PDB file of N, CA and C in Angstrom:
ATOM      1  N   MET A   1     -24.153 -15.720 -21.098  1.00  0.00           N
ATOM      2  CA  MET A   1     -23.387 -14.538 -20.903  1.00  0.00           C
ATOM      3  C   MET A   1     -23.886 -13.116 -20.684  1.00  0.00           C
ATOM      4  N   THR A   2     -25.133 -13.187 -19.706  1.00  0.00           N
ATOM      5  CA  THR A   2     -25.309 -12.014 -18.784  1.00  0.00           C
ATOM      6  C   THR A   2     -24.857 -12.256 -17.590  1.00  0.00           C
ATOM      7  N   LYS A   3     -24.447 -13.220 -16.889  1.00  0.00           N
ATOM      8  CA  LYS A   3     -24.204 -13.420 -15.714  1.00  0.00           C
ATOM      9  C   LYS A   3     -22.486 -12.890 -15.856  1.00  0.00           C
ATOM     10  N   LEU A   4     -21.939 -13.437 -16.756  1.00  0.00           N
ATOM     11  CA  LEU A   4     -20.137 -12.986 -17.237  1.00  0.00           C
ATOM     12  C   LEU A   4     -20.201 -11.183 -17.154  1.00  0.00           C
ATOM     13  N   PHE A   5     -21.231 -10.761 -17.722  1.00  0.00           N
ATOM     14  CA  PHE A   5     -21.306  -9.202 -18.183  1.00  0.00           C
ATOM     15  C   PHE A   5     -21.781  -8.428 -16.675  1.00  0.00           C
ATOM     16  N   SER A   6     -22.585  -8.996 -16.020  1.00  0.00           N
ATOM     17  CA  SER A   6     -23.078  -8.493 -14.510  1.00  0.00           C
ATOM     18  C   SER A   6     -21.570  -8.783 -13.737  1.00  0.00           C
ATOM     19  N   ARG A   7     -21.168  -9.945 -13.853  1.00  0.00           N
ATOM     20  CA  ARG A   7     -19.988  -9.924 -13.114  1.00  0.00           C
ATOM     21  C   ARG A   7     -18.890  -8.856 -13.062  1.00  0.00           C
ATOM     22  N   PHE A   8     -18.567  -8.744 -14.511  1.00  0.00           N
ATOM     23  CA  PHE A   8     -17.856  -7.765 -15.150  1.00  0.00           C
ATOM     24  C   PHE A   8     -18.077  -6.269 -14.418  1.00  0.00           C
ATOM     25  N   LEU A   9     -19.190  -6.265 -14.425  1.00  0.00           N
ATOM     26  CA  LEU A   9     -19.692  -4.510 -13.845  1.00  0.00           C
ATOM     27  C   LEU A   9     -19.640  -4.504 -12.397  1.00  0.00           C
ATOM     28  N   LYS A  10     -19.632  -5.353 -11.521  1.00  0.00           N
ATOM     29  CA  LYS A  10     -19.459  -5.363 -10.568  1.00  0.00           C
ATOM     30  C   LYS A  10     -18.108  -5.476  -9.733  1.00  0.00           C
ATOM     31  N   ASP A  11     -16.986  -5.994 -10.475  1.00  0.00           N
ATOM     32  CA  ASP A  11     -15.871  -5.811 -10.258  1.00  0.00           C
ATOM     33  C   ASP A  11     -15.032  -4.680 -10.205  1.00  0.00           C
ATOM     34  N   GLU A  12     -14.573  -4.465  -8.723  1.00  0.00           N
ATOM     35  CA  GLU A  12     -14.115  -3.078  -8.650  1.00  0.00           C
ATOM     36  C   GLU A  12     -12.496  -3.087  -8.498  1.00  0.00           C
ATOM     37  N   SER A  13     -11.969  -4.501  -8.602  1.00  0.00           N
ATOM     38  CA  SER A  13     -10.178  -4.371  -8.065  1.00  0.00           C
ATOM     39  C   SER A  13      -9.918  -3.623  -8.990  1.00  0.00           C
ATOM     40  N   GLY A  14      -9.952  -3.594 -10.262  1.00  0.00           N
ATOM     41  CA  GLY A  14      -8.775  -2.801 -11.284  1.00  0.00           C
ATOM     42  C   GLY A  14      -9.072  -1.203 -10.825  1.00  0.00           C
ATOM     43  N   ALA A  15     -10.187  -0.710 -10.846  1.00  0.00           N
ATOM     44  CA  ALA A  15     -10.327   0.649 -10.127  1.00  0.00           C
ATOM     45  C   ALA A  15      -9.808   0.851  -8.976  1.00  0.00           C
ATOM     46  N   THR A  16      -9.722   0.354  -7.762  1.00  0.00           N
ATOM     47  CA  THR A  16      -9.241   0.493  -6.855  1.00  0.00           C
ATOM     48  C   THR A  16      -7.375   0.453  -7.164  1.00  0.00           C
ATOM     49  N   ALA A  17      -7.100  -0.183  -7.753  1.00  0.00           N
ATOM     50  CA  ALA A  17      -5.309  -0.055  -8.596  1.00  0.00           C
ATOM     51  C   ALA A  17      -5.075   1.079  -8.874  1.00  0.00           C
ATOM     52  N   ILE A  18      -6.138   1.360  -9.836  1.00  0.00           N
ATOM     53  CA  ILE A  18      -6.084   2.684 -10.681  1.00  0.00           C
ATOM     54  C   ILE A  18      -6.242   4.016  -9.642  1.00  0.00           C
ATOM     55  N   GLU A  19      -7.161   3.973  -8.624  1.00  0.00           N
ATOM     56  CA  GLU A  19      -6.934   4.901  -8.044  1.00  0.00           C
ATOM     57  C   GLU A  19      -5.758   4.716  -6.958  1.00  0.00           C
ATOM     58  N   TYR A  20      -5.376   3.912  -6.801  1.00  0.00           N
ATOM     59  CA  TYR A  20      -3.809   3.938  -5.568  1.00  0.00           C
ATOM     60  C   TYR A  20      -2.819   4.634  -6.520  1.00  0.00           C
ATOM     61  N   GLY A  21      -2.991   4.122  -7.949  1.00  0.00           N
ATOM     62  CA  GLY A  21      -2.042   4.737  -8.736  1.00  0.00           C
ATOM     63  C   GLY A  21      -1.878   6.193  -9.171  1.00  0.00           C
ATOM     64  N   LEU A  22      -3.267   6.743  -9.210  1.00  0.00           N
ATOM     65  CA  LEU A  22      -3.442   8.152  -9.395  1.00  0.00           C
ATOM     66  C   LEU A  22      -2.980   9.168  -7.834  1.00  0.00           C
ATOM     67  N   ILE A  23      -3.257   8.020  -6.858  1.00  0.00           N
ATOM     68  CA  ILE A  23      -2.732   9.032  -5.613  1.00  0.00           C
ATOM     69  C   ILE A  23      -1.202   8.974  -5.777  1.00  0.00           C
ATOM     70  N   ALA A  24      -0.731   7.843  -5.802  1.00  0.00           N
ATOM     71  CA  ALA A  24       0.642   7.649  -5.859  1.00  0.00           C
ATOM     72  C   ALA A  24       1.340   8.867  -6.805  1.00  0.00           C
ATOM     73  N   ALA A  25       0.941   8.963  -8.163  1.00  0.00           N
ATOM     74  CA  ALA A  25       0.943   9.914  -8.889  1.00  0.00           C
ATOM     75  C   ALA A  25       1.285  11.407  -8.218  1.00  0.00           C
ATOM     76  N   LEU A  26       0.043  11.443  -7.994  1.00  0.00           N
ATOM     77  CA  LEU A  26      -0.234  12.873  -7.251  1.00  0.00           C
ATOM     78  C   LEU A  26       0.736  13.140  -6.192  1.00  0.00           C
ATOM     79  N   ILE A  27       0.916  12.492  -5.207  1.00  0.00           N
ATOM     80  CA  ILE A  27       1.847  12.788  -4.200  1.00  0.00           C
ATOM     81  C   ILE A  27       3.272  12.893  -4.551  1.00  0.00           C
ATOM     82  N   SER A  28       3.896  11.900  -5.801  1.00  0.00           N
ATOM     83  CA  SER A  28       5.324  11.882  -6.456  1.00  0.00           C
ATOM     84  C   SER A  28       5.277  13.583  -7.054  1.00  0.00           C
ATOM     85  N   VAL A  29       4.352  14.121  -7.674  1.00  0.00           N
ATOM     86  CA  VAL A  29       4.205  15.483  -8.352  1.00  0.00           C
ATOM     87  C   VAL A  29       4.744  16.417  -7.410  1.00  0.00           C
ATOM     88  N   ALA A  30       3.882  16.492  -5.767  1.00  0.00           N
ATOM     89  CA  ALA A  30       3.714  17.090  -5.074  1.00  0.00           C
ATOM     90  C   ALA A  30       5.034  17.318  -4.076  1.00  0.00           C
ATOM     91  N   LEU A  31       5.767  16.400  -3.906  1.00  0.00           N
ATOM     92  CA  LEU A  31       7.057  16.237  -3.531  1.00  0.00           C
ATOM     93  C   LEU A  31       8.076  16.793  -4.462  1.00  0.00           C
ATOM     94  N   ILE A  32       7.858  16.274  -5.589  1.00  0.00           N
ATOM     95  CA  ILE A  32       8.944  16.970  -6.838  1.00  0.00           C
ATOM     96  C   ILE A  32       8.625  18.681  -6.603  1.00  0.00           C
ATOM     97  N   THR A  33       7.696  19.112  -6.697  1.00  0.00           N
ATOM     98  CA  THR A  33       7.139  20.730  -6.677  1.00  0.00           C
ATOM     99  C   THR A  33       8.115  21.050  -5.630  1.00  0.00           C
ATOM    100  N   GLY A  34       7.554  20.564  -4.465  1.00  0.00           N
ATOM    101  CA  GLY A  34       8.360  20.998  -3.338  1.00  0.00           C
ATOM    102  C   GLY A  34       9.758  20.758  -3.077  1.00  0.00           C
ATOM    103  N   ALA A  35      10.422  19.830  -3.482  1.00  0.00           N
ATOM    104  CA  ALA A  35      11.698  19.494  -3.317  1.00  0.00           C
ATOM    105  C   ALA A  35      12.459  20.462  -4.272  1.00  0.00           C
ATOM    106  N   THR A  36      11.761  20.920  -5.314  1.00  0.00           N
ATOM    107  CA  THR A  36      12.326  21.955  -6.222  1.00  0.00           C
ATOM    108  C   THR A  36      12.417  23.223  -5.683  1.00  0.00           C
ATOM    109  N   SER A  37      11.445  23.704  -5.172  1.00  0.00           N
ATOM    110  CA  SER A  37      11.180  25.123  -4.668  1.00  0.00           C
ATOM    111  C   SER A  37      12.326  25.155  -3.303  1.00  0.00           C
ATOM    112  N   LEU A  38      12.325  24.160  -2.827  1.00  0.00           N
ATOM    113  CA  LEU A  38      13.172  24.378  -1.705  1.00  0.00           C
ATOM    114  C   LEU A  38      14.633  24.487  -1.888  1.00  0.00           C
ATOM    115  N   GLY A  39      15.176  23.643  -2.873  1.00  0.00           N
ATOM    116  CA  GLY A  39      15.920  23.361  -3.076  1.00  0.00           C
ATOM    117  C   GLY A  39      16.892  24.707  -4.162  1.00  0.00           C
ATOM    118  N   SER A  40      15.830  25.359  -4.878  1.00  0.00           N
ATOM    119  CA  SER A  40      16.323  26.615  -5.825  1.00  0.00           C
ATOM    120  C   SER A  40      16.717  27.879  -3.836  1.00  0.00           C
ATOM    121  N   LYS A  41      15.531  27.652  -3.065  1.00  0.00           N
ATOM    122  CA  LYS A  41      15.572  28.711  -1.837  1.00  0.00           C
ATOM    123  C   LYS A  41      16.890  28.433  -1.369  1.00  0.00           C
ATOM    124  N   ILE A  42      17.528  27.194  -0.870  1.00  0.00           N
ATOM    125  CA  ILE A  42      18.887  27.021  -0.429  1.00  0.00           C
ATOM    126  C   ILE A  42      19.787  27.127  -1.186  1.00  0.00           C
ATOM    127  N   GLY A  43      19.787  27.152  -2.373  1.00  0.00           N
ATOM    128  CA  GLY A  43      20.851  27.531  -3.379  1.00  0.00           C
ATOM    129  C   GLY A  43      20.942  28.850  -3.232  1.00  0.00           C
ATOM    130  N   ASN A  44      19.685  29.852  -3.454  1.00  0.00           N
ATOM    131  CA  ASN A  44      20.200  31.260  -2.816  1.00  0.00           C
ATOM    132  C   ASN A  44      20.681  31.437  -1.795  1.00  0.00           C
ATOM    133  N   THR A  45      20.310  31.060  -0.873  1.00  0.00           N
ATOM    134  CA  THR A  45      20.801  31.169   0.284  1.00  0.00           C
ATOM    135  C   THR A  45      22.227  30.996   0.701  1.00  0.00           C
ATOM    136  N   PHE A  46      22.969  29.938  -0.223  1.00  0.00           N
ATOM    137  CA  PHE A  46      24.200  29.349  -0.052  1.00  0.00           C
ATOM    138  C   PHE A  46      24.853  30.634  -1.009  1.00  0.00           C
ATOM    139  N   ASN A  47      24.441  30.759  -2.165  1.00  0.00           N
ATOM    140  CA  ASN A  47      25.017  32.052  -3.069  1.00  0.00           C
ATOM    141  C   ASN A  47      25.417  33.049  -2.095  1.00  0.00           C
ATOM    142  N   GLY A  48      24.071  33.738  -1.305  1.00  0.00           N
ATOM    143  CA  GLY A  48      24.223  34.953  -0.524  1.00  0.00           C
ATOM    144  C   GLY A  48      25.248  34.747   0.473  1.00  0.00           C
ATOM    145  N   LEU A  49      25.418  33.837   0.944  1.00  0.00           N
ATOM    146  CA  LEU A  49      26.609  33.876   2.385  1.00  0.00           C
ATOM    147  C   LEU A  49      27.956  33.835   1.653  1.00  0.00           C
ATOM    148  N   SER A  50      27.629  33.031   0.562  1.00  0.00           N
ATOM    149  CA  SER A  50      29.128  33.041  -0.154  1.00  0.00           C
ATOM    150  C   SER A  50      29.816  34.483  -0.790  1.00  0.00           C
ATOM    151  N   THR A  51      28.691  35.222  -1.132  1.00  0.00           N
ATOM    152  CA  THR A  51      28.844  36.934  -1.632  1.00  0.00           C
ATOM    153  C   THR A  51      29.482  37.184  -0.314  1.00  0.00           C
ATOM    154  N   LYS A  52      28.809  36.988   0.736  1.00  0.00           N
ATOM    155  CA  LYS A  52      29.191  37.777   2.140  1.00  0.00           C
ATOM    156  C   LYS A  52      30.458  37.496   2.687  1.00  0.00           C
ATOM    157  N   MET A  53      30.777  36.389   2.318  1.00  0.00           N
ATOM    158  CA  MET A  53      32.113  35.997   2.777  1.00  0.00           C
ATOM    159  C   MET A  53      33.294  36.055   2.034  1.00  0.00           C
ATOM    160  N   ASP A  54      33.044  36.294   0.868  1.00  0.00           N
ATOM    161  CA  ASP A  54      34.011  36.678  -0.169  1.00  0.00           C
ATOM    162  C   ASP A  54      34.048  38.297   0.169  1.00  0.00           C
ATOM    163  N   GLY A  55      33.076  39.124   0.586  1.00  0.00           N
ATOM    164  CA  GLY A  55      33.032  40.464   0.808  1.00  0.00           C
ATOM    165  C   GLY A  55      33.919  40.828   1.988  1.00  0.00           C
ATOM    166  N   ALA A  56      33.658  40.001   3.485  1.00  0.00           N
ATOM    167  CA  ALA A  56      34.519  40.121   4.102  1.00  0.00           C
ATOM    168  C   ALA A  56      36.126  39.518   4.347  1.00  0.00           C
ATOM    169  N   THR A  57      36.149  38.589   3.355  1.00  0.00           N
ATOM    170  CA  THR A  57      37.844  38.238   3.229  1.00  0.00           C
ATOM    171  C   THR A  57      38.085  39.522   2.411  1.00  0.00           C
ATOM    172  N   SER A  58      37.999  40.201   1.668  1.00  0.00           N
ATOM    173  CA  SER A  58      38.485  41.202   0.929  1.00  0.00           C
ATOM    174  C   SER A  58      38.646  42.195   1.520  1.00  0.00           C
ATOM    175  N   ALA A  59      37.529  42.524   2.469  1.00  0.00           N
ATOM    176  CA  ALA A  59      37.707  43.576   3.377  1.00  0.00           C
ATOM    177  C   ALA A  59      39.071  43.711   4.468  1.00  0.00           C
ATOM    178  N   ALA A  60      39.185  42.246   4.795  1.00  0.00           N
ATOM    179  CA  ALA A  60      40.324  42.114   5.652  1.00  0.00           C
ATOM    180  C   ALA A  60      41.318  42.039   5.288  1.00  0.00           C
ATOM    181  N   ASN A  61      41.972  41.668   4.132  1.00  0.00           N
ATOM    182  CA  ASN A  61      43.007  42.143   3.533  1.00  0.00           C
ATOM    183  C   ASN A  61      43.399  43.485   3.356  1.00  0.00           C
TER     184      ASN A  61
END
């Protein structure tokens, strides 16, 4: 029984899988946060361009 318990304490294969899972989750959160921020900035840029183009076409008429 003690050999089984000591072998269980030395086994680190599960810990490695958990660490890889945590790293993947952290990378996913970082990518989602970056994409959300970039998406809103791009949306604001296109809205600004649309407003300027609407103003230019109104002034030309």
